[in-house]
Amino acid sequence: MECATDFYNCNKKAVVSACDDVPKFVQASRQVLERDDLTFEQRREIAATLSTRTGSFEVNPNSSVDTE
């Protein structure tokens, strides 16, 4: 937690508050990746952009989205 507070230059309460938004971010990301108007390649590029060192999004050709 100290590392995050130093990186974002904020207090612990702000870091905890930001963590509360993570499930909403993941759900919104899944909704985008499941859109049927995107090609597989577009969904794959979006998934790569949204993935981080601690969590990743993976798509497969039949429109299913997995989060790790």
PDB file of N, CA and C in Angstrom:
ATOM      1  N   MET A   1       0.830  -1.190   0.000  1.00  0.00           N
ATOM      2  CA  MET A   1       0.000   0.000   0.000  1.00  0.00           C
ATOM      3  C   MET A   1       0.872   1.250   0.000  1.00  0.00           C
ATOM      4  N   GLU A   2       1.958   1.209   0.757  1.00  0.00           N
ATOM      5  CA  GLU A   2       2.846   2.379   0.802  1.00  0.00           C
ATOM      6  C   GLU A   2       3.388   2.713  -0.591  1.00  0.00           C
ATOM      7  N   CYS A   3       3.706   1.688  -1.351  1.00  0.00           N
ATOM      8  CA  CYS A   3       4.224   1.907  -2.704  1.00  0.00           C
ATOM      9  C   CYS A   3       3.182   2.630  -3.557  1.00  0.00           C
ATOM     10  N   ALA A   4       1.930   2.213  -3.446  1.00  0.00           N
ATOM     11  CA  ALA A   4       0.853   2.855  -4.222  1.00  0.00           C
ATOM     12  C   ALA A   4       0.634   4.291  -3.759  1.00  0.00           C
ATOM     13  N   THR A   5       0.663   4.525  -2.466  1.00  0.00           N
ATOM     14  CA  THR A   5       0.458   5.896  -1.982  1.00  0.00           C
ATOM     15  C   THR A   5       1.595   6.807  -2.433  1.00  0.00           C
ATOM     16  N   ASP A   6       2.815   6.264  -2.464  1.00  0.00           N
ATOM     17  CA  ASP A   6       3.948   7.057  -2.948  1.00  0.00           C
ATOM     18  C   ASP A   6       3.823   7.325  -4.443  1.00  0.00           C
ATOM     19  N   PHE A   7       3.484   6.280  -5.200  1.00  0.00           N
ATOM     20  CA  PHE A   7       3.392   6.418  -6.659  1.00  0.00           C
ATOM     21  C   PHE A   7       2.333   7.443  -7.052  1.00  0.00           C
ATOM     22  N   TYR A   8       1.151   7.335  -6.437  1.00  0.00           N
ATOM     23  CA  TYR A   8       0.051   8.242  -6.792  1.00  0.00           C
ATOM     24  C   TYR A   8       0.063   9.538  -5.992  1.00  0.00           C
ATOM     25  N   ASN A   9       1.023   9.664  -5.077  1.00  0.00           N
ATOM     26  CA  ASN A   9       1.134  10.859  -4.254  1.00  0.00           C
ATOM     27  C   ASN A   9      -0.194  11.179  -3.558  1.00  0.00           C
ATOM     28  N   CYS A  10      -0.734  10.165  -2.869  1.00  0.00           N
ATOM     29  CA  CYS A  10      -2.011  10.342  -2.174  1.00  0.00           C
ATOM     30  C   CYS A  10      -1.999   9.524  -0.884  1.00  0.00           C
ATOM     31  N   ASN A  11      -3.072   9.632  -0.130  1.00  0.00           N
ATOM     32  CA  ASN A  11      -3.140   8.909   1.133  1.00  0.00           C
ATOM     33  C   ASN A  11      -3.765   7.517   0.950  1.00  0.00           C
ATOM     34  N   LYS A  12      -3.725   6.714   2.001  1.00  0.00           N
ATOM     35  CA  LYS A  12      -4.236   5.339   1.934  1.00  0.00           C
ATOM     36  C   LYS A  12      -5.723   5.296   1.623  1.00  0.00           C
ATOM     37  N   LYS A  13      -6.477   6.246   2.116  1.00  0.00           N
ATOM     38  CA  LYS A  13      -7.918   6.269   1.857  1.00  0.00           C
ATOM     39  C   LYS A  13      -8.186   6.395   0.361  1.00  0.00           C
ATOM     40  N   ALA A  14      -7.392   7.200  -0.320  1.00  0.00           N
ATOM     41  CA  ALA A  14      -7.557   7.368  -1.766  1.00  0.00           C
ATOM     42  C   ALA A  14      -7.229   6.076  -2.508  1.00  0.00           C
ATOM     43  N   VAL A  15      -6.222   5.351  -2.052  1.00  0.00           N
ATOM     44  CA  VAL A  15      -5.856   4.087  -2.688  1.00  0.00           C
ATOM     45  C   VAL A  15      -6.972   3.065  -2.489  1.00  0.00           C
ATOM     46  N   VAL A  16      -7.507   2.986  -1.290  1.00  0.00           N
ATOM     47  CA  VAL A  16      -8.610   2.062  -1.012  1.00  0.00           C
ATOM     48  C   VAL A  16      -9.820   2.427  -1.869  1.00  0.00           C
ATOM     49  N   SER A  17     -10.096   3.680  -1.986  1.00  0.00           N
ATOM     50  CA  SER A  17     -11.217   4.132  -2.814  1.00  0.00           C
ATOM     51  C   SER A  17     -11.015   3.734  -4.272  1.00  0.00           C
ATOM     52  N   ALA A  18      -9.808   3.882  -4.766  1.00  0.00           N
ATOM     53  CA  ALA A  18      -9.515   3.494  -6.145  1.00  0.00           C
ATOM     54  C   ALA A  18      -9.701   1.997  -6.337  1.00  0.00           C
ATOM     55  N   CYS A  19      -9.321   1.222  -5.336  1.00  0.00           N
ATOM     56  CA  CYS A  19      -9.481  -0.235  -5.419  1.00  0.00           C
ATOM     57  C   CYS A  19     -10.954  -0.625  -5.505  1.00  0.00           C
ATOM     58  N   ASP A  20     -11.816   0.155  -4.914  1.00  0.00           N
ATOM     59  CA  ASP A  20     -13.252  -0.124  -4.992  1.00  0.00           C
ATOM     60  C   ASP A  20     -13.755  -0.041  -6.429  1.00  0.00           C
ATOM     61  N   ASP A  21     -13.081   0.717  -7.267  1.00  0.00           N
ATOM     62  CA  ASP A  21     -13.496   0.886  -8.655  1.00  0.00           C
ATOM     63  C   ASP A  21     -13.038  -0.250  -9.572  1.00  0.00           C
ATOM     64  N   VAL A  22     -12.130  -1.070  -9.111  1.00  0.00           N
ATOM     65  CA  VAL A  22     -11.578  -2.131  -9.966  1.00  0.00           C
ATOM     66  C   VAL A  22     -12.658  -3.072 -10.490  1.00  0.00           C
ATOM     67  N   PRO A  23     -13.566  -3.594  -9.671  1.00  0.00           N
ATOM     68  CA  PRO A  23     -14.596  -4.485 -10.222  1.00  0.00           C
ATOM     69  C   PRO A  23     -15.456  -3.809 -11.297  1.00  0.00           C
ATOM     70  N   LYS A  24     -15.733  -2.527 -11.135  1.00  0.00           N
ATOM     71  CA  LYS A  24     -16.503  -1.789 -12.140  1.00  0.00           C
ATOM     72  C   LYS A  24     -15.710  -1.670 -13.437  1.00  0.00           C
ATOM     73  N   PHE A  25     -14.417  -1.432 -13.317  1.00  0.00           N
ATOM     74  CA  PHE A  25     -13.546  -1.340 -14.489  1.00  0.00           C
ATOM     75  C   PHE A  25     -13.498  -2.676 -15.227  1.00  0.00           C
ATOM     76  N   VAL A  26     -13.374  -3.757 -14.491  1.00  0.00           N
ATOM     77  CA  VAL A  26     -13.322  -5.084 -15.109  1.00  0.00           C
ATOM     78  C   VAL A  26     -14.636  -5.386 -15.828  1.00  0.00           C
ATOM     79  N   GLN A  27     -15.756  -5.104 -15.198  1.00  0.00           N
ATOM     80  CA  GLN A  27     -17.046  -5.356 -15.835  1.00  0.00           C
ATOM     81  C   GLN A  27     -17.215  -4.512 -17.102  1.00  0.00           C
ATOM     82  N   ALA A  28     -16.860  -3.257 -17.032  1.00  0.00           N
ATOM     83  CA  ALA A  28     -16.970  -2.386 -18.207  1.00  0.00           C
ATOM     84  C   ALA A  28     -16.046  -2.881 -19.324  1.00  0.00           C
ATOM     85  N   SER A  29     -14.869  -3.328 -18.965  1.00  0.00           N
ATOM     86  CA  SER A  29     -13.931  -3.849 -19.957  1.00  0.00           C
ATOM     87  C   SER A  29     -14.488  -5.097 -20.624  1.00  0.00           C
ATOM     88  N   ARG A  30     -15.072  -5.982 -19.836  1.00  0.00           N
ATOM     89  CA  ARG A  30     -15.674  -7.195 -20.388  1.00  0.00           C
ATOM     90  C   ARG A  30     -16.795  -6.841 -21.360  1.00  0.00           C
ATOM     91  N   GLN A  31     -17.607  -5.848 -21.015  1.00  0.00           N
ATOM     92  CA  GLN A  31     -18.705  -5.447 -21.896  1.00  0.00           C
ATOM     93  C   GLN A  31     -18.167  -4.947 -23.235  1.00  0.00           C
ATOM     94  N   VAL A  32     -17.107  -4.176 -23.203  1.00  0.00           N
ATOM     95  CA  VAL A  32     -16.513  -3.681 -24.449  1.00  0.00           C
ATOM     96  C   VAL A  32     -15.982  -4.844 -25.269  1.00  0.00           C
ATOM     97  N   LEU A  33     -15.272  -5.757 -24.622  1.00  0.00           N
ATOM     98  CA  LEU A  33     -14.658  -6.870 -25.341  1.00  0.00           C
ATOM     99  C   LEU A  33     -15.679  -7.865 -25.890  1.00  0.00           C
ATOM    100  N   GLU A  34     -16.893  -7.850 -25.380  1.00  0.00           N
ATOM    101  CA  GLU A  34     -17.926  -8.766 -25.851  1.00  0.00           C
ATOM    102  C   GLU A  34     -18.804  -8.157 -26.944  1.00  0.00           C
ATOM    103  N   ARG A  35     -18.516  -6.938 -27.336  1.00  0.00           N
ATOM    104  CA  ARG A  35     -19.323  -6.312 -28.397  1.00  0.00           C
ATOM    105  C   ARG A  35     -19.197  -7.106 -29.688  1.00  0.00           C
ATOM    106  N   ASP A  36     -20.320  -7.300 -30.354  1.00  0.00           N
ATOM    107  CA  ASP A  36     -20.295  -8.086 -31.590  1.00  0.00           C
ATOM    108  C   ASP A  36     -19.959  -7.257 -32.819  1.00  0.00           C
ATOM    109  N   ASP A  37     -19.818  -5.947 -32.651  1.00  0.00           N
ATOM    110  CA  ASP A  37     -19.450  -5.116 -33.801  1.00  0.00           C
ATOM    111  C   ASP A  37     -17.941  -4.931 -33.926  1.00  0.00           C
ATOM    112  N   LEU A  38     -17.179  -5.589 -33.078  1.00  0.00           N
ATOM    113  CA  LEU A  38     -15.716  -5.531 -33.151  1.00  0.00           C
ATOM    114  C   LEU A  38     -15.184  -6.824 -33.754  1.00  0.00           C
ATOM    115  N   THR A  39     -14.136  -6.699 -34.529  1.00  0.00           N
ATOM    116  CA  THR A  39     -13.503  -7.896 -35.065  1.00  0.00           C
ATOM    117  C   THR A  39     -12.701  -8.566 -33.949  1.00  0.00           C
ATOM    118  N   PHE A  40     -12.354  -9.811 -34.179  1.00  0.00           N
ATOM    119  CA  PHE A  40     -11.522 -10.527 -33.213  1.00  0.00           C
ATOM    120  C   PHE A  40     -10.207  -9.793 -32.994  1.00  0.00           C
ATOM    121  N   GLU A  41      -9.608  -9.313 -34.065  1.00  0.00           N
ATOM    122  CA  GLU A  41      -8.336  -8.585 -33.951  1.00  0.00           C
ATOM    123  C   GLU A  41      -8.501  -7.320 -33.119  1.00  0.00           C
ATOM    124  N   GLN A  42      -9.594  -6.586 -33.311  1.00  0.00           N
ATOM    125  CA  GLN A  42      -9.842  -5.376 -32.513  1.00  0.00           C
ATOM    126  C   GLN A  42     -10.006  -5.735 -31.036  1.00  0.00           C
ATOM    127  N   ARG A  43     -10.772  -6.777 -30.768  1.00  0.00           N
ATOM    128  CA  ARG A  43     -10.963  -7.196 -29.372  1.00  0.00           C
ATOM    129  C   ARG A  43      -9.639  -7.637 -28.752  1.00  0.00           C
ATOM    130  N   ARG A  44      -8.816  -8.330 -29.525  1.00  0.00           N
ATOM    131  CA  ARG A  44      -7.520  -8.776 -29.028  1.00  0.00           C
ATOM    132  C   ARG A  44      -6.617  -7.591 -28.705  1.00  0.00           C
ATOM    133  N   GLU A  45      -6.615  -6.571 -29.555  1.00  0.00           N
ATOM    134  CA  GLU A  45      -5.809  -5.374 -29.312  1.00  0.00           C
ATOM    135  C   GLU A  45      -6.306  -4.608 -28.084  1.00  0.00           C
ATOM    136  N   ILE A  46      -7.616  -4.502 -27.943  1.00  0.00           N
ATOM    137  CA  ILE A  46      -8.183  -3.826 -26.764  1.00  0.00           C
ATOM    138  C   ILE A  46      -7.807  -4.597 -25.507  1.00  0.00           C
ATOM    139  N   ALA A  47      -7.929  -5.915 -25.541  1.00  0.00           N
ATOM    140  CA  ALA A  47      -7.576  -6.745 -24.385  1.00  0.00           C
ATOM    141  C   ALA A  47      -6.114  -6.545 -24.006  1.00  0.00           C
ATOM    142  N   ALA A  48      -5.244  -6.496 -24.985  1.00  0.00           N
ATOM    143  CA  ALA A  48      -3.821  -6.282 -24.709  1.00  0.00           C
ATOM    144  C   ALA A  48      -3.589  -4.906 -24.084  1.00  0.00           C
ATOM    145  N   THR A  49      -4.302  -3.907 -24.561  1.00  0.00           N
ATOM    146  CA  THR A  49      -4.157  -2.550 -24.025  1.00  0.00           C
ATOM    147  C   THR A  49      -4.633  -2.473 -22.578  1.00  0.00           C
ATOM    148  N   LEU A  50      -5.722  -3.158 -22.252  1.00  0.00           N
ATOM    149  CA  LEU A  50      -6.293  -3.098 -20.911  1.00  0.00           C
ATOM    150  C   LEU A  50      -5.573  -3.992 -19.910  1.00  0.00           C
ATOM    151  N   SER A  51      -4.809  -4.940 -20.379  1.00  0.00           N
ATOM    152  CA  SER A  51      -4.124  -5.869 -19.484  1.00  0.00           C
ATOM    153  C   SER A  51      -2.969  -5.177 -18.763  1.00  0.00           C
ATOM    154  N   THR A  52      -2.739  -5.625 -17.544  1.00  0.00           N
ATOM    155  CA  THR A  52      -1.648  -5.082 -16.724  1.00  0.00           C
ATOM    156  C   THR A  52      -0.771  -6.228 -16.245  1.00  0.00           C
ATOM    157  N   ARG A  53       0.241  -5.918 -15.499  1.00  0.00           N
ATOM    158  CA  ARG A  53       1.123  -6.971 -14.994  1.00  0.00           C
ATOM    159  C   ARG A  53       0.419  -7.847 -13.959  1.00  0.00           C
ATOM    160  N   THR A  54      -0.640  -7.350 -13.346  1.00  0.00           N
ATOM    161  CA  THR A  54      -1.336  -8.127 -12.317  1.00  0.00           C
ATOM    162  C   THR A  54      -2.650  -8.725 -12.789  1.00  0.00           C
ATOM    163  N   GLY A  55      -3.114  -8.341 -13.937  1.00  0.00           N
ATOM    164  CA  GLY A  55      -4.360  -8.889 -14.458  1.00  0.00           C
ATOM    165  C   GLY A  55      -4.409  -8.737 -15.955  1.00  0.00           C
ATOM    166  N   SER A  56      -4.988  -9.723 -16.602  1.00  0.00           N
ATOM    167  CA  SER A  56      -5.033  -9.634 -18.053  1.00  0.00           C
ATOM    168  C   SER A  56      -6.402 -10.036 -18.573  1.00  0.00           C
ATOM    169  N   PHE A  57      -6.695  -9.541 -19.753  1.00  0.00           N
ATOM    170  CA  PHE A  57      -7.909  -9.889 -20.470  1.00  0.00           C
ATOM    171  C   PHE A  57      -7.499 -10.712 -21.674  1.00  0.00           C
ATOM    172  N   GLU A  58      -8.180 -11.800 -21.901  1.00  0.00           N
ATOM    173  CA  GLU A  58      -7.910 -12.622 -23.068  1.00  0.00           C
ATOM    174  C   GLU A  58      -9.221 -12.885 -23.779  1.00  0.00           C
ATOM    175  N   VAL A  59      -9.192 -12.848 -25.087  1.00  0.00           N
ATOM    176  CA  VAL A  59     -10.388 -13.123 -25.885  1.00  0.00           C
ATOM    177  C   VAL A  59     -10.107 -14.309 -26.785  1.00  0.00           C
ATOM    178  N   ASN A  60     -11.171 -14.992 -27.166  1.00  0.00           N
ATOM    179  CA  ASN A  60     -11.015 -16.059 -28.137  1.00  0.00           C
ATOM    180  C   ASN A  60     -12.003 -15.821 -29.265  1.00  0.00           C
ATOM    181  N   PRO A  61     -11.832 -16.479 -30.369  1.00  0.00           N
ATOM    182  CA  PRO A  61     -12.647 -16.181 -31.556  1.00  0.00           C
ATOM    183  C   PRO A  61     -14.155 -16.308 -31.361  1.00  0.00           C
ATOM    184  N   ASN A  62     -14.623 -17.070 -30.389  1.00  0.00           N
ATOM    185  CA  ASN A  62     -16.070 -17.218 -30.226  1.00  0.00           C
ATOM    186  C   ASN A  62     -16.651 -16.234 -29.223  1.00  0.00           C
ATOM    187  N   SER A  63     -15.997 -15.078 -29.040  1.00  0.00           N
ATOM    188  CA  SER A  63     -16.487 -13.935 -28.278  1.00  0.00           C
ATOM    189  C   SER A  63     -16.481 -14.097 -26.765  1.00  0.00           C
ATOM    190  N   SER A  64     -15.895 -15.122 -26.237  1.00  0.00           N
ATOM    191  CA  SER A  64     -15.855 -15.226 -24.795  1.00  0.00           C
ATOM    192  C   SER A  64     -14.644 -14.459 -24.286  1.00  0.00           C
ATOM    193  N   VAL A  65     -14.812 -13.865 -23.111  1.00  0.00           N
ATOM    194  CA  VAL A  65     -13.751 -13.049 -22.519  1.00  0.00           C
ATOM    195  C   VAL A  65     -13.359 -13.664 -21.186  1.00  0.00           C
ATOM    196  N   ASP A  66     -12.073 -13.849 -20.985  1.00  0.00           N
ATOM    197  CA  ASP A  66     -11.568 -14.384 -19.714  1.00  0.00           C
ATOM    198  C   ASP A  66     -10.732 -13.311 -19.058  1.00  0.00           C
ATOM    199  N   THR A  67     -10.863 -13.214 -17.732  1.00  0.00           N
ATOM    200  CA  THR A  67     -10.004 -12.303 -16.968  1.00  0.00           C
ATOM    201  C   THR A  67      -9.192 -13.131 -15.994  1.00  0.00           C
ATOM    202  N   GLU A  68      -7.959 -12.753 -15.829  1.00  0.00           N
ATOM    203  CA  GLU A  68      -7.077 -13.451 -14.890  1.00  0.00           C
ATOM    204  C   GLU A  68      -6.698 -12.535 -13.766  1.00  0.00           C
TER     205      GLU A  68
END
